[in-house]
Amino acid sequence: MHTENVRLNITLPRDLFDSLRRIAEPRSRSRIISESLRAYIKQKQQANLEKLLEEGYRATAKESIAIAGDFETVDLEGWDEY
């Protein structure tokens, strides 16, 4: 995937920069920061999606229970009673 790059001037806490400097070559720092940011954004988007799904499930819970109740006799049809 080729995308246009944008140059940024960012500020990091000294300890975070020192850690980055210890694990990354100077030419790979941008890539590491980009990958980390992508993972963070993906995590936030996933959390947001899960929140929206939960809200949707809660909003339709009563209706879903009522529908399941309507089909309860059919669901149990043909099962042996114990």
C-alpha atoms as a PDB file:
ATOM      1  CA  MET A   1       0.000   0.000   0.000  1.00  0.00           C
ATOM      2  CA  HIS A   2       1.541   3.270  -1.103  1.00  0.00           C
ATOM      3  CA  THR A   3       0.230   6.433   0.460  1.00  0.00           C
ATOM      4  CA  GLU A   4       1.344  10.010   0.449  1.00  0.00           C
ATOM      5  CA  ASN A   5       3.458  10.860   3.473  1.00  0.00           C
ATOM      6  CA  VAL A   6       3.022  13.933   5.616  1.00  0.00           C
ATOM      7  CA  ARG A   7       5.816  15.316   7.741  1.00  0.00           C
ATOM      8  CA  LEU A   8       4.943  16.066  11.368  1.00  0.00           C
ATOM      9  CA  ASN A   9       6.660  17.737  14.234  1.00  0.00           C
ATOM     10  CA  ILE A  10       5.524  15.937  17.392  1.00  0.00           C
ATOM     11  CA  THR A  11       6.434  16.114  21.040  1.00  0.00           C
ATOM     12  CA  LEU A  12       7.015  12.934  23.047  1.00  0.00           C
ATOM     13  CA  PRO A  13       7.838  12.399  26.689  1.00  0.00           C
ATOM     14  CA  ARG A  14      11.586  11.923  27.079  1.00  0.00           C
ATOM     15  CA  ASP A  15      11.289   8.373  28.455  1.00  0.00           C
ATOM     16  CA  LEU A  16       9.130   7.290  25.499  1.00  0.00           C
ATOM     17  CA  PHE A  17      11.580   8.780  23.019  1.00  0.00           C
ATOM     18  CA  ASP A  18      14.501   7.117  24.790  1.00  0.00           C
ATOM     19  CA  SER A  19      12.731   3.758  24.586  1.00  0.00           C
ATOM     20  CA  LEU A  20      12.015   4.278  20.909  1.00  0.00           C
ATOM     21  CA  ARG A  21      15.607   5.263  20.238  1.00  0.00           C
ATOM     22  CA  ARG A  22      16.869   2.100  21.983  1.00  0.00           C
ATOM     23  CA  ILE A  23      14.727  -0.285  19.937  1.00  0.00           C
ATOM     24  CA  ALA A  24      14.586   1.431  16.549  1.00  0.00           C
ATOM     25  CA  GLU A  25      17.116   2.534  14.013  1.00  0.00           C
ATOM     26  CA  PRO A  26      16.791   6.223  13.100  1.00  0.00           C
ATOM     27  CA  ARG A  27      15.346   5.397   9.643  1.00  0.00           C
ATOM     28  CA  SER A  28      12.660   3.069  11.075  1.00  0.00           C
ATOM     29  CA  ARG A  29      11.185   5.340  13.751  1.00  0.00           C
ATOM     30  CA  SER A  30       8.503   6.799  11.483  1.00  0.00           C
ATOM     31  CA  ARG A  31       7.417   3.302  10.451  1.00  0.00           C
ATOM     32  CA  ILE A  32       7.208   2.148  14.069  1.00  0.00           C
ATOM     33  CA  ILE A  33       5.208   5.221  15.085  1.00  0.00           C
ATOM     34  CA  SER A  34       2.896   4.749  12.053  1.00  0.00           C
ATOM     35  CA  GLU A  35       2.311   1.064  12.878  1.00  0.00           C
ATOM     36  CA  SER A  36       1.640   1.895  16.516  1.00  0.00           C
ATOM     37  CA  LEU A  37      -0.808   4.627  15.585  1.00  0.00           C
ATOM     38  CA  ARG A  38      -2.605   2.327  13.132  1.00  0.00           C
ATOM     39  CA  ALA A  39      -2.967  -0.330  15.857  1.00  0.00           C
ATOM     40  CA  TYR A  40      -4.264   2.275  18.315  1.00  0.00           C
ATOM     41  CA  ILE A  41      -6.811   3.605  15.820  1.00  0.00           C
ATOM     42  CA  LYS A  42      -7.957   0.072  14.956  1.00  0.00           C
ATOM     43  CA  GLN A  43      -8.392  -0.704  18.660  1.00  0.00           C
ATOM     44  CA  LYS A  44     -10.442   2.476  19.201  1.00  0.00           C
ATOM     45  CA  GLN A  45     -12.615   1.759  16.160  1.00  0.00           C
ATOM     46  CA  GLN A  46     -13.225  -1.805  17.371  1.00  0.00           C
ATOM     47  CA  ALA A  47     -14.158  -0.561  20.847  1.00  0.00           C
ATOM     48  CA  ASN A  48     -16.547   1.979  19.299  1.00  0.00           C
ATOM     49  CA  LEU A  49     -18.152  -0.705  17.127  1.00  0.00           C
ATOM     50  CA  GLU A  50     -18.602  -2.991  20.141  1.00  0.00           C
ATOM     51  CA  LYS A  51     -20.208  -0.129  22.065  1.00  0.00           C
ATOM     52  CA  LEU A  52     -22.628   0.580  19.199  1.00  0.00           C
ATOM     53  CA  LEU A  53     -23.510  -3.101  18.902  1.00  0.00           C
ATOM     54  CA  GLU A  54     -24.129  -3.352  22.640  1.00  0.00           C
ATOM     55  CA  GLU A  55     -26.392  -0.294  22.515  1.00  0.00           C
ATOM     56  CA  GLY A  56     -28.286  -1.848  19.616  1.00  0.00           C
ATOM     57  CA  TYR A  57     -28.700  -5.165  21.400  1.00  0.00           C
ATOM     58  CA  ARG A  58     -29.938  -3.416  24.529  1.00  0.00           C
ATOM     59  CA  ALA A  59     -32.382  -1.303  22.515  1.00  0.00           C
ATOM     60  CA  THR A  60     -33.939  -4.377  20.872  1.00  0.00           C
ATOM     61  CA  ALA A  61     -33.679  -6.800  23.815  1.00  0.00           C
ATOM     62  CA  LYS A  62     -37.380  -6.772  24.718  1.00  0.00           C
ATOM     63  CA  GLU A  63     -38.409  -7.259  21.110  1.00  0.00           C
ATOM     64  CA  SER A  64     -35.927 -10.126  20.680  1.00  0.00           C
ATOM     65  CA  ILE A  65     -37.210 -11.868  23.827  1.00  0.00           C
ATOM     66  CA  ALA A  66     -40.803 -11.489  22.622  1.00  0.00           C
ATOM     67  CA  ILE A  67     -39.951 -12.972  19.214  1.00  0.00           C
ATOM     68  CA  ALA A  68     -38.102 -15.872  20.836  1.00  0.00           C
ATOM     69  CA  GLY A  69     -41.132 -16.477  23.043  1.00  0.00           C
ATOM     70  CA  ASP A  70     -43.383 -16.604  19.976  1.00  0.00           C
ATOM     71  CA  PHE A  71     -41.302 -19.441  18.534  1.00  0.00           C
ATOM     72  CA  GLU A  72     -40.682 -21.343  21.783  1.00  0.00           C
ATOM     73  CA  THR A  73     -43.268 -24.056  21.087  1.00  0.00           C
ATOM     74  CA  VAL A  74     -41.926 -24.638  17.579  1.00  0.00           C
ATOM     75  CA  ASP A  75     -38.330 -24.717  18.833  1.00  0.00           C
ATOM     76  CA  LEU A  76     -39.157 -27.520  21.280  1.00  0.00           C
ATOM     77  CA  GLU A  77     -41.303 -29.489  18.822  1.00  0.00           C
ATOM     78  CA  GLY A  78     -39.999 -32.983  18.218  1.00  0.00           C
ATOM     79  CA  TRP A  79     -37.731 -33.065  21.279  1.00  0.00           C
ATOM     80  CA  ASP A  80     -38.170 -35.897  23.757  1.00  0.00           C
ATOM     81  CA  GLU A  81     -39.332 -34.817  27.202  1.00  0.00           C
ATOM     82  CA  TYR A  82     -37.086 -35.789  30.069  1.00  0.00           C
END
